[in-house]
C-alpha cells in the first residue's frame, strides 16, 4: 500500500521539485554554467563524440533524477515513521 501511495504522488513530487529548483538562484546559475560549459565542450568534438557526450549527459541526468526521487521518497517514509512512531 505504501508503494501505491508513493507512486500516485510521484508526478506531483517531480513537478513540485521542478518548481522549487526554478525558484532557486544558485540552481539557475549552476544550470547556466552547465549549459555554457556543454557548448564549449561540443565545439571541440567531432559529431560522433558530441553524440556520445550527449548520451552520457542524458544518462547522468536520468540517474540523478532517480536519486532525487528515491531521496524524496525515503524522506517521506522517514517523516511518516517519526509522525506515526513506526
PDB file of N, CA and C in Angstrom:
ATOM      1  N   UNK A   1       0.818  -1.192   0.000  1.00  0.00           N
ATOM      2  CA  UNK A   1       0.000   0.000   0.000  1.00  0.00           C
ATOM      3  C   UNK A   1       0.867   1.264   0.000  1.00  0.00           C
ATOM      4  N   UNK A   2       1.951   1.266   0.774  1.00  0.00           N
ATOM      5  CA  UNK A   2       2.841   2.423   0.831  1.00  0.00           C
ATOM      6  C   UNK A   2       3.388   2.741  -0.554  1.00  0.00           C
ATOM      7  N   UNK A   3       3.787   1.707  -1.307  1.00  0.00           N
ATOM      8  CA  UNK A   3       4.324   1.916  -2.645  1.00  0.00           C
ATOM      9  C   UNK A   3       3.268   2.529  -3.557  1.00  0.00           C
ATOM     10  N   UNK A   4       2.023   2.061  -3.460  1.00  0.00           N
ATOM     11  CA  UNK A   4       0.946   2.604  -4.279  1.00  0.00           C
ATOM     12  C   UNK A   4       0.743   4.093  -4.014  1.00  0.00           C
ATOM     13  N   UNK A   5       0.806   4.470  -2.762  1.00  0.00           N
ATOM     14  CA  UNK A   5       0.621   5.883  -2.396  1.00  0.00           C
ATOM     15  C   UNK A   5       1.762   6.722  -2.966  1.00  0.00           C
ATOM     16  N   UNK A   6       2.986   6.246  -2.799  1.00  0.00           N
ATOM     17  CA  UNK A   6       4.137   6.985  -3.321  1.00  0.00           C
ATOM     18  C   UNK A   6       4.090   7.066  -4.841  1.00  0.00           C
ATOM     19  N   UNK A   7       3.689   5.984  -5.506  1.00  0.00           N
ATOM     20  CA  UNK A   7       3.569   6.002  -6.961  1.00  0.00           C
ATOM     21  C   UNK A   7       2.526   7.025  -7.412  1.00  0.00           C
ATOM     22  N   UNK A   8       1.444   7.129  -6.669  1.00  0.00           N
ATOM     23  CA  UNK A   8       0.391   8.094  -7.007  1.00  0.00           C
ATOM     24  C   UNK A   8       0.895   9.532  -6.866  1.00  0.00           C
ATOM     25  N   UNK A   9       1.759   9.766  -5.897  1.00  0.00           N
ATOM     26  CA  UNK A   9       2.282  11.109  -5.661  1.00  0.00           C
ATOM     27  C   UNK A   9       3.454  11.472  -6.567  1.00  0.00           C
ATOM     28  N   UNK A  10       4.058  10.483  -7.196  1.00  0.00           N
ATOM     29  CA  UNK A  10       5.295  10.709  -7.947  1.00  0.00           C
ATOM     30  C   UNK A  10       5.209  11.854  -8.966  1.00  0.00           C
ATOM     31  N   UNK A  11       4.201  11.924  -9.820  1.00  0.00           N
ATOM     32  CA  UNK A  11       4.160  13.053 -10.768  1.00  0.00           C
ATOM     33  C   UNK A  11       4.110  14.409 -10.052  1.00  0.00           C
ATOM     34  N   UNK A  12       3.370  14.477  -8.961  1.00  0.00           N
ATOM     35  CA  UNK A  12       3.291  15.729  -8.205  1.00  0.00           C
ATOM     36  C   UNK A  12       4.623  16.053  -7.550  1.00  0.00           C
ATOM     37  N   UNK A  13       5.309  15.028  -7.071  1.00  0.00           N
ATOM     38  CA  UNK A  13       6.618  15.230  -6.445  1.00  0.00           C
ATOM     39  C   UNK A  13       7.582  15.844  -7.451  1.00  0.00           C
ATOM     40  N   UNK A  14       7.654  15.257  -8.638  1.00  0.00           N
ATOM     41  CA  UNK A  14       8.597  15.735  -9.639  1.00  0.00           C
ATOM     42  C   UNK A  14       8.236  17.155 -10.096  1.00  0.00           C
ATOM     43  N   UNK A  15       6.956  17.436 -10.234  1.00  0.00           N
ATOM     44  CA  UNK A  15       6.532  18.779 -10.621  1.00  0.00           C
ATOM     45  C   UNK A  15       6.908  19.780  -9.537  1.00  0.00           C
ATOM     46  N   UNK A  16       6.670  19.425  -8.293  1.00  0.00           N
ATOM     47  CA  UNK A  16       6.990  20.307  -7.168  1.00  0.00           C
ATOM     48  C   UNK A  16       8.491  20.565  -7.076  1.00  0.00           C
ATOM     49  N   UNK A  17       9.282  19.514  -7.243  1.00  0.00           N
ATOM     50  CA  UNK A  17      10.733  19.695  -7.211  1.00  0.00           C
ATOM     51  C   UNK A  17      11.187  20.638  -8.321  1.00  0.00           C
ATOM     52  N   UNK A  18      10.607  20.500  -9.505  1.00  0.00           N
ATOM     53  CA  UNK A  18      10.933  21.399 -10.610  1.00  0.00           C
ATOM     54  C   UNK A  18      10.630  22.845 -10.272  1.00  0.00           C
ATOM     55  N   UNK A  19       9.499  23.068  -9.622  1.00  0.00           N
ATOM     56  CA  UNK A  19       9.129  24.426  -9.204  1.00  0.00           C
ATOM     57  C   UNK A  19      10.126  24.980  -8.189  1.00  0.00           C
ATOM     58  N   UNK A  20      10.509  24.146  -7.245  1.00  0.00           N
ATOM     59  CA  UNK A  20      11.459  24.568  -6.209  1.00  0.00           C
ATOM     60  C   UNK A  20      12.801  24.916  -6.840  1.00  0.00           C
ATOM     61  N   UNK A  21      13.274  24.066  -7.754  1.00  0.00           N
ATOM     62  CA  UNK A  21      14.557  24.329  -8.412  1.00  0.00           C
ATOM     63  C   UNK A  21      14.527  25.642  -9.180  1.00  0.00           C
ATOM     64  N   UNK A  22      13.456  25.872  -9.911  1.00  0.00           N
ATOM     65  CA  UNK A  22      13.362  27.066 -10.758  1.00  0.00           C
ATOM     66  C   UNK A  22      13.295  28.357  -9.958  1.00  0.00           C
ATOM     67  N   UNK A  23      12.978  28.270  -8.690  1.00  0.00           N
ATOM     68  CA  UNK A  23      12.926  29.450  -7.832  1.00  0.00           C
ATOM     69  C   UNK A  23      14.257  29.701  -7.120  1.00  0.00           C
ATOM     70  N   UNK A  24      15.204  28.805  -7.272  1.00  0.00           N
ATOM     71  CA  UNK A  24      16.460  28.894  -6.554  1.00  0.00           C
ATOM     72  C   UNK A  24      17.532  29.547  -7.423  1.00  0.00           C
ATOM     73  N   UNK A  25      18.065  30.678  -6.972  1.00  0.00           N
ATOM     74  CA  UNK A  25      19.045  31.430  -7.749  1.00  0.00           C
ATOM     75  C   UNK A  25      20.323  30.626  -7.984  1.00  0.00           C
ATOM     76  N   UNK A  26      20.791  29.911  -6.975  1.00  0.00           N
ATOM     77  CA  UNK A  26      22.020  29.125  -7.138  1.00  0.00           C
ATOM     78  C   UNK A  26      21.817  28.029  -8.177  1.00  0.00           C
ATOM     79  N   UNK A  27      20.671  27.376  -8.139  1.00  0.00           N
ATOM     80  CA  UNK A  27      20.365  26.335  -9.135  1.00  0.00           C
ATOM     81  C   UNK A  27      20.373  26.933 -10.541  1.00  0.00           C
ATOM     82  N   UNK A  28      19.718  28.081 -10.704  1.00  0.00           N
ATOM     83  CA  UNK A  28      19.653  28.710 -12.022  1.00  0.00           C
ATOM     84  C   UNK A  28      21.047  29.088 -12.521  1.00  0.00           C
ATOM     85  N   UNK A  29      21.908  29.561 -11.631  1.00  0.00           N
ATOM     86  CA  UNK A  29      23.267  29.929 -12.032  1.00  0.00           C
ATOM     87  C   UNK A  29      24.053  28.689 -12.425  1.00  0.00           C
ATOM     88  N   UNK A  30      23.940  27.629 -11.651  1.00  0.00           N
ATOM     89  CA  UNK A  30      24.651  26.380 -11.972  1.00  0.00           C
ATOM     90  C   UNK A  30      24.171  25.796 -13.293  1.00  0.00           C
ATOM     91  N   UNK A  31      22.880  25.906 -13.559  1.00  0.00           N
ATOM     92  CA  UNK A  31      22.327  25.415 -14.818  1.00  0.00           C
ATOM     93  C   UNK A  31      22.877  26.222 -15.990  1.00  0.00           C
ATOM     94  N   UNK A  32      22.965  27.537 -15.801  1.00  0.00           N
ATOM     95  CA  UNK A  32      23.540  28.403 -16.836  1.00  0.00           C
ATOM     96  C   UNK A  32      25.000  28.030 -17.090  1.00  0.00           C
ATOM     97  N   UNK A  33      25.773  27.849 -16.022  1.00  0.00           N
ATOM     98  CA  UNK A  33      27.174  27.446 -16.145  1.00  0.00           C
ATOM     99  C   UNK A  33      27.295  26.112 -16.878  1.00  0.00           C
ATOM    100  N   UNK A  34      26.429  25.188 -16.516  1.00  0.00           N
ATOM    101  CA  UNK A  34      26.429  23.857 -17.130  1.00  0.00           C
ATOM    102  C   UNK A  34      26.205  23.957 -18.644  1.00  0.00           C
ATOM    103  N   UNK A  35      25.235  24.762 -19.044  1.00  0.00           N
ATOM    104  CA  UNK A  35      24.936  24.919 -20.467  1.00  0.00           C
ATOM    105  C   UNK A  35      26.104  25.543 -21.214  1.00  0.00           C
ATOM    106  N   UNK A  36      26.733  26.560 -20.623  1.00  0.00           N
ATOM    107  CA  UNK A  36      27.875  27.209 -21.254  1.00  0.00           C
ATOM    108  C   UNK A  36      29.037  26.236 -21.416  1.00  0.00           C
ATOM    109  N   UNK A  37      29.317  25.469 -20.382  1.00  0.00           N
ATOM    110  CA  UNK A  37      30.408  24.501 -20.459  1.00  0.00           C
ATOM    111  C   UNK A  37      30.103  23.405 -21.475  1.00  0.00           C
ATOM    112  N   UNK A  38      28.868  22.998 -21.551  1.00  0.00           N
ATOM    113  CA  UNK A  38      28.463  21.977 -22.516  1.00  0.00           C
ATOM    114  C   UNK A  38      28.694  22.471 -23.944  1.00  0.00           C
ATOM    115  N   UNK A  39      28.331  23.718 -24.210  1.00  0.00           N
ATOM    116  CA  UNK A  39      28.525  24.275 -25.545  1.00  0.00           C
ATOM    117  C   UNK A  39      30.008  24.369 -25.893  1.00  0.00           C
ATOM    118  N   UNK A  40      30.838  24.784 -24.937  1.00  0.00           N
ATOM    119  CA  UNK A  40      32.280  24.843 -25.171  1.00  0.00           C
ATOM    120  C   UNK A  40      32.835  23.460 -25.473  1.00  0.00           C
ATOM    121  N   UNK A  41      32.390  22.477 -24.719  1.00  0.00           N
ATOM    122  CA  UNK A  41      32.848  21.109 -24.928  1.00  0.00           C
ATOM    123  C   UNK A  41      32.480  20.627 -26.326  1.00  0.00           C
ATOM    124  N   UNK A  42      31.254  20.877 -26.739  1.00  0.00           N
ATOM    125  CA  UNK A  42      30.786  20.415 -28.046  1.00  0.00           C
ATOM    126  C   UNK A  42      31.583  21.028 -29.196  1.00  0.00           C
ATOM    127  N   UNK A  43      32.067  22.246 -29.017  1.00  0.00           N
ATOM    128  CA  UNK A  43      32.836  22.916 -30.070  1.00  0.00           C
ATOM    129  C   UNK A  43      34.085  22.139 -30.460  1.00  0.00           C
ATOM    130  N   UNK A  44      34.676  21.451 -29.508  1.00  0.00           N
ATOM    131  CA  UNK A  44      35.925  20.745 -29.777  1.00  0.00           C
ATOM    132  C   UNK A  44      35.752  19.274 -30.106  1.00  0.00           C
ATOM    133  N   UNK A  45      34.528  18.823 -30.273  1.00  0.00           N
ATOM    134  CA  UNK A  45      34.280  17.404 -30.515  1.00  0.00           C
ATOM    135  C   UNK A  45      33.821  17.152 -31.940  1.00  0.00           C
ATOM    136  N   UNK A  46      34.112  15.952 -32.414  1.00  0.00           N
ATOM    137  CA  UNK A  46      33.542  15.536 -33.689  1.00  0.00           C
ATOM    138  C   UNK A  46      32.053  15.285 -33.471  1.00  0.00           C
ATOM    139  N   UNK A  47      31.304  15.113 -34.545  1.00  0.00           N
ATOM    140  CA  UNK A  47      29.871  14.864 -34.409  1.00  0.00           C
ATOM    141  C   UNK A  47      29.618  13.574 -33.624  1.00  0.00           C
ATOM    142  N   UNK A  48      30.400  12.542 -33.903  1.00  0.00           N
ATOM    143  CA  UNK A  48      30.240  11.268 -33.188  1.00  0.00           C
ATOM    144  C   UNK A  48      30.536  11.432 -31.695  1.00  0.00           C
ATOM    145  N   UNK A  49      31.587  12.160 -31.379  1.00  0.00           N
ATOM    146  CA  UNK A  49      31.927  12.405 -29.984  1.00  0.00           C
ATOM    147  C   UNK A  49      30.856  13.244 -29.291  1.00  0.00           C
ATOM    148  N   UNK A  50      30.307  14.230 -30.008  1.00  0.00           N
ATOM    149  CA  UNK A  50      29.261  15.080 -29.439  1.00  0.00           C
ATOM    150  C   UNK A  50      28.015  14.262 -29.131  1.00  0.00           C
ATOM    151  N   UNK A  51      27.667  13.321 -30.018  1.00  0.00           N
ATOM    152  CA  UNK A  51      26.509  12.458 -29.784  1.00  0.00           C
ATOM    153  C   UNK A  51      26.765  11.579 -28.562  1.00  0.00           C
ATOM    154  N   UNK A  52      27.966  11.018 -28.466  1.00  0.00           N
ATOM    155  CA  UNK A  52      28.308  10.181 -27.309  1.00  0.00           C
ATOM    156  C   UNK A  52      28.269  11.000 -26.018  1.00  0.00           C
ATOM    157  N   UNK A  53      28.786  12.209 -26.051  1.00  0.00           N
ATOM    158  CA  UNK A  53      28.773  13.075 -24.862  1.00  0.00           C
ATOM    159  C   UNK A  53      27.339  13.413 -24.464  1.00  0.00           C
ATOM    160  N   UNK A  54      26.484  13.668 -25.444  1.00  0.00           N
ATOM    161  CA  UNK A  54      25.084  13.994 -25.155  1.00  0.00           C
ATOM    162  C   UNK A  54      24.372  12.789 -24.537  1.00  0.00           C
ATOM    163  N   UNK A  55      24.643  11.595 -25.046  1.00  0.00           N
ATOM    164  CA  UNK A  55      24.051  10.379 -24.474  1.00  0.00           C
ATOM    165  C   UNK A  55      24.539  10.168 -23.038  1.00  0.00           C
ATOM    166  N   UNK A  56      25.826  10.420 -22.812  1.00  0.00           N
ATOM    167  CA  UNK A  56      26.397  10.287 -21.482  1.00  0.00           C
ATOM    168  C   UNK A  56      25.731  11.269 -20.518  1.00  0.00           C
ATOM    169  N   UNK A  57      25.579  12.516 -20.954  1.00  0.00           N
ATOM    170  CA  UNK A  57      24.940  13.539 -20.132  1.00  0.00           C
ATOM    171  C   UNK A  57      23.492  13.159 -19.826  1.00  0.00           C
ATOM    172  N   UNK A  58      22.780  12.662 -20.823  1.00  0.00           N
ATOM    173  CA  UNK A  58      21.382  12.247 -20.612  1.00  0.00           C
ATOM    174  C   UNK A  58      21.308  11.104 -19.604  1.00  0.00           C
ATOM    175  N   UNK A  59      22.257  10.192 -19.679  1.00  0.00           N
ATOM    176  CA  UNK A  59      22.290   9.069 -18.746  1.00  0.00           C
ATOM    177  C   UNK A  59      22.557   9.548 -17.318  1.00  0.00           C
ATOM    178  N   UNK A  60      23.497  10.455 -17.166  1.00  0.00           N
ATOM    179  CA  UNK A  60      23.796  11.005 -15.842  1.00  0.00           C
ATOM    180  C   UNK A  60      22.575  11.744 -15.295  1.00  0.00           C
ATOM    181  N   UNK A  61      21.918  12.519 -16.137  1.00  0.00           N
ATOM    182  CA  UNK A  61      20.731  13.264 -15.704  1.00  0.00           C
ATOM    183  C   UNK A  61      19.625  12.324 -15.251  1.00  0.00           C
ATOM    184  N   UNK A  62      19.430  11.238 -15.997  1.00  0.00           N
ATOM    185  CA  UNK A  62      18.403  10.260 -15.621  1.00  0.00           C
ATOM    186  C   UNK A  62      18.743   9.616 -14.280  1.00  0.00           C
ATOM    187  N   UNK A  63      19.992   9.273 -14.094  1.00  0.00           N
ATOM    188  CA  UNK A  63      20.431   8.671 -12.834  1.00  0.00           C
ATOM    189  C   UNK A  63      20.202   9.635 -11.670  1.00  0.00           C
ATOM    190  N   UNK A  64      20.550  10.895 -11.862  1.00  0.00           N
ATOM    191  CA  UNK A  64      20.368  11.885 -10.800  1.00  0.00           C
ATOM    192  C   UNK A  64      18.879  12.096 -10.502  1.00  0.00           C
ATOM    193  N   UNK A  65      18.054  12.050 -11.526  1.00  0.00           N
ATOM    194  CA  UNK A  65      16.616  12.175 -11.313  1.00  0.00           C
ATOM    195  C   UNK A  65      16.078  11.044 -10.450  1.00  0.00           C
ATOM    196  N   UNK A  66      16.557   9.841 -10.711  1.00  0.00           N
ATOM    197  CA  UNK A  66      16.153   8.688  -9.904  1.00  0.00           C
ATOM    198  C   UNK A  66      16.638   8.866  -8.468  1.00  0.00           C
ATOM    199  N   UNK A  67      17.881   9.322  -8.297  1.00  0.00           N
ATOM    200  CA  UNK A  67      18.417   9.548  -6.946  1.00  0.00           C
ATOM    201  C   UNK A  67      17.575  10.572  -6.184  1.00  0.00           C
ATOM    202  N   UNK A  68      17.180  11.643  -6.860  1.00  0.00           N
ATOM    203  CA  UNK A  68      16.356  12.668  -6.211  1.00  0.00           C
ATOM    204  C   UNK A  68      15.017  12.094  -5.782  1.00  0.00           C
ATOM    205  N   UNK A  69      14.406  11.326  -6.658  1.00  0.00           N
ATOM    206  CA  UNK A  69      13.104  10.741  -6.336  1.00  0.00           C
ATOM    207  C   UNK A  69      13.225   9.756  -5.179  1.00  0.00           C
ATOM    208  N   UNK A  70      14.261   8.915  -5.201  1.00  0.00           N
ATOM    209  CA  UNK A  70      14.457   7.961  -4.106  1.00  0.00           C
ATOM    210  C   UNK A  70      14.702   8.683  -2.781  1.00  0.00           C
ATOM    211  N   UNK A  71      15.487   9.755  -2.816  1.00  0.00           N
ATOM    212  CA  UNK A  71      15.746  10.514  -1.593  1.00  0.00           C
ATOM    213  C   UNK A  71      14.458  11.155  -1.079  1.00  0.00           C
ATOM    214  N   UNK A  72      13.660  11.671  -1.977  1.00  0.00           N
ATOM    215  CA  UNK A  72      12.394  12.284  -1.575  1.00  0.00           C
ATOM    216  C   UNK A  72      11.462  11.232  -0.972  1.00  0.00           C
ATOM    217  N   UNK A  73      11.373  10.090  -1.629  1.00  0.00           N
ATOM    218  CA  UNK A  73      10.529   9.003  -1.105  1.00  0.00           C
ATOM    219  C   UNK A  73      10.995   8.567   0.280  1.00  0.00           C
ATOM    220  N   UNK A  74      12.323   8.416   0.439  1.00  0.00           N
ATOM    221  CA  UNK A  74      12.836   7.984   1.731  1.00  0.00           C
ATOM    222  C   UNK A  74      12.546   9.026   2.794  1.00  0.00           C
ATOM    223  N   UNK A  75      12.651  10.292   2.428  1.00  0.00           N
ATOM    224  CA  UNK A  75      12.314  11.359   3.364  1.00  0.00           C
ATOM    225  C   UNK A  75      10.857  11.295   3.791  1.00  0.00           C
ATOM    226  N   UNK A  76       9.974  10.977   2.846  1.00  0.00           N
ATOM    227  CA  UNK A  76       8.559  10.835   3.185  1.00  0.00           C
ATOM    228  C   UNK A  76       8.349   9.646   4.124  1.00  0.00           C
ATOM    229  N   UNK A  77       9.043   8.542   3.854  1.00  0.00           N
ATOM    230  CA  UNK A  77       8.932   7.363   4.728  1.00  0.00           C
ATOM    231  C   UNK A  77       9.433   7.682   6.131  1.00  0.00           C
ATOM    232  N   UNK A  78      10.567   8.377   6.197  1.00  0.00           N
ATOM    233  CA  UNK A  78      11.132   8.733   7.495  1.00  0.00           C
ATOM    234  C   UNK A  78      10.211   9.666   8.269  1.00  0.00           C
ATOM    235  N   UNK A  79       9.612  10.637   7.563  1.00  0.00           N
ATOM    236  CA  UNK A  79       8.700  11.553   8.231  1.00  0.00           C
ATOM    237  C   UNK A  79       7.475  10.797   8.749  1.00  0.00           C
ATOM    238  N   UNK A  80       6.941   9.890   7.954  1.00  0.00           N
ATOM    239  CA  UNK A  80       5.786   9.095   8.394  1.00  0.00           C
ATOM    240  C   UNK A  80       6.154   8.260   9.616  1.00  0.00           C
ATOM    241  N   UNK A  81       7.367   7.698   9.595  1.00  0.00           N
ATOM    242  CA  UNK A  81       7.801   6.875  10.728  1.00  0.00           C
ATOM    243  C   UNK A  81       7.911   7.718  11.988  1.00  0.00           C
ATOM    244  N   UNK A  82       8.404   8.932  11.873  1.00  0.00           N
ATOM    245  CA  UNK A  82       8.520   9.815  13.041  1.00  0.00           C
ATOM    246  C   UNK A  82       7.133  10.229  13.531  1.00  0.00           C
ATOM    247  N   UNK A  83       6.269  10.605  12.595  1.00  0.00           N
ATOM    248  CA  UNK A  83       4.931  11.077  12.964  1.00  0.00           C
ATOM    249  C   UNK A  83       4.058   9.974  13.548  1.00  0.00           C
ATOM    250  N   UNK A  84       4.199   8.771  13.017  1.00  0.00           N
ATOM    251  CA  UNK A  84       3.325   7.677  13.432  1.00  0.00           C
ATOM    252  C   UNK A  84       4.024   6.631  14.297  1.00  0.00           C
ATOM    253  N   UNK A  85       5.273   6.950  14.704  1.00  0.00           N
ATOM    254  CA  UNK A  85       6.006   6.090  15.630  1.00  0.00           C
ATOM    255  C   UNK A  85       6.297   4.694  15.129  1.00  0.00           C
ATOM    256  N   UNK A  86       6.609   4.563  13.854  1.00  0.00           N
ATOM    257  CA  UNK A  86       6.909   3.234  13.293  1.00  0.00           C
ATOM    258  C   UNK A  86       8.380   2.971  13.287  1.00  0.00           C
TER     259      UNK A  86
END
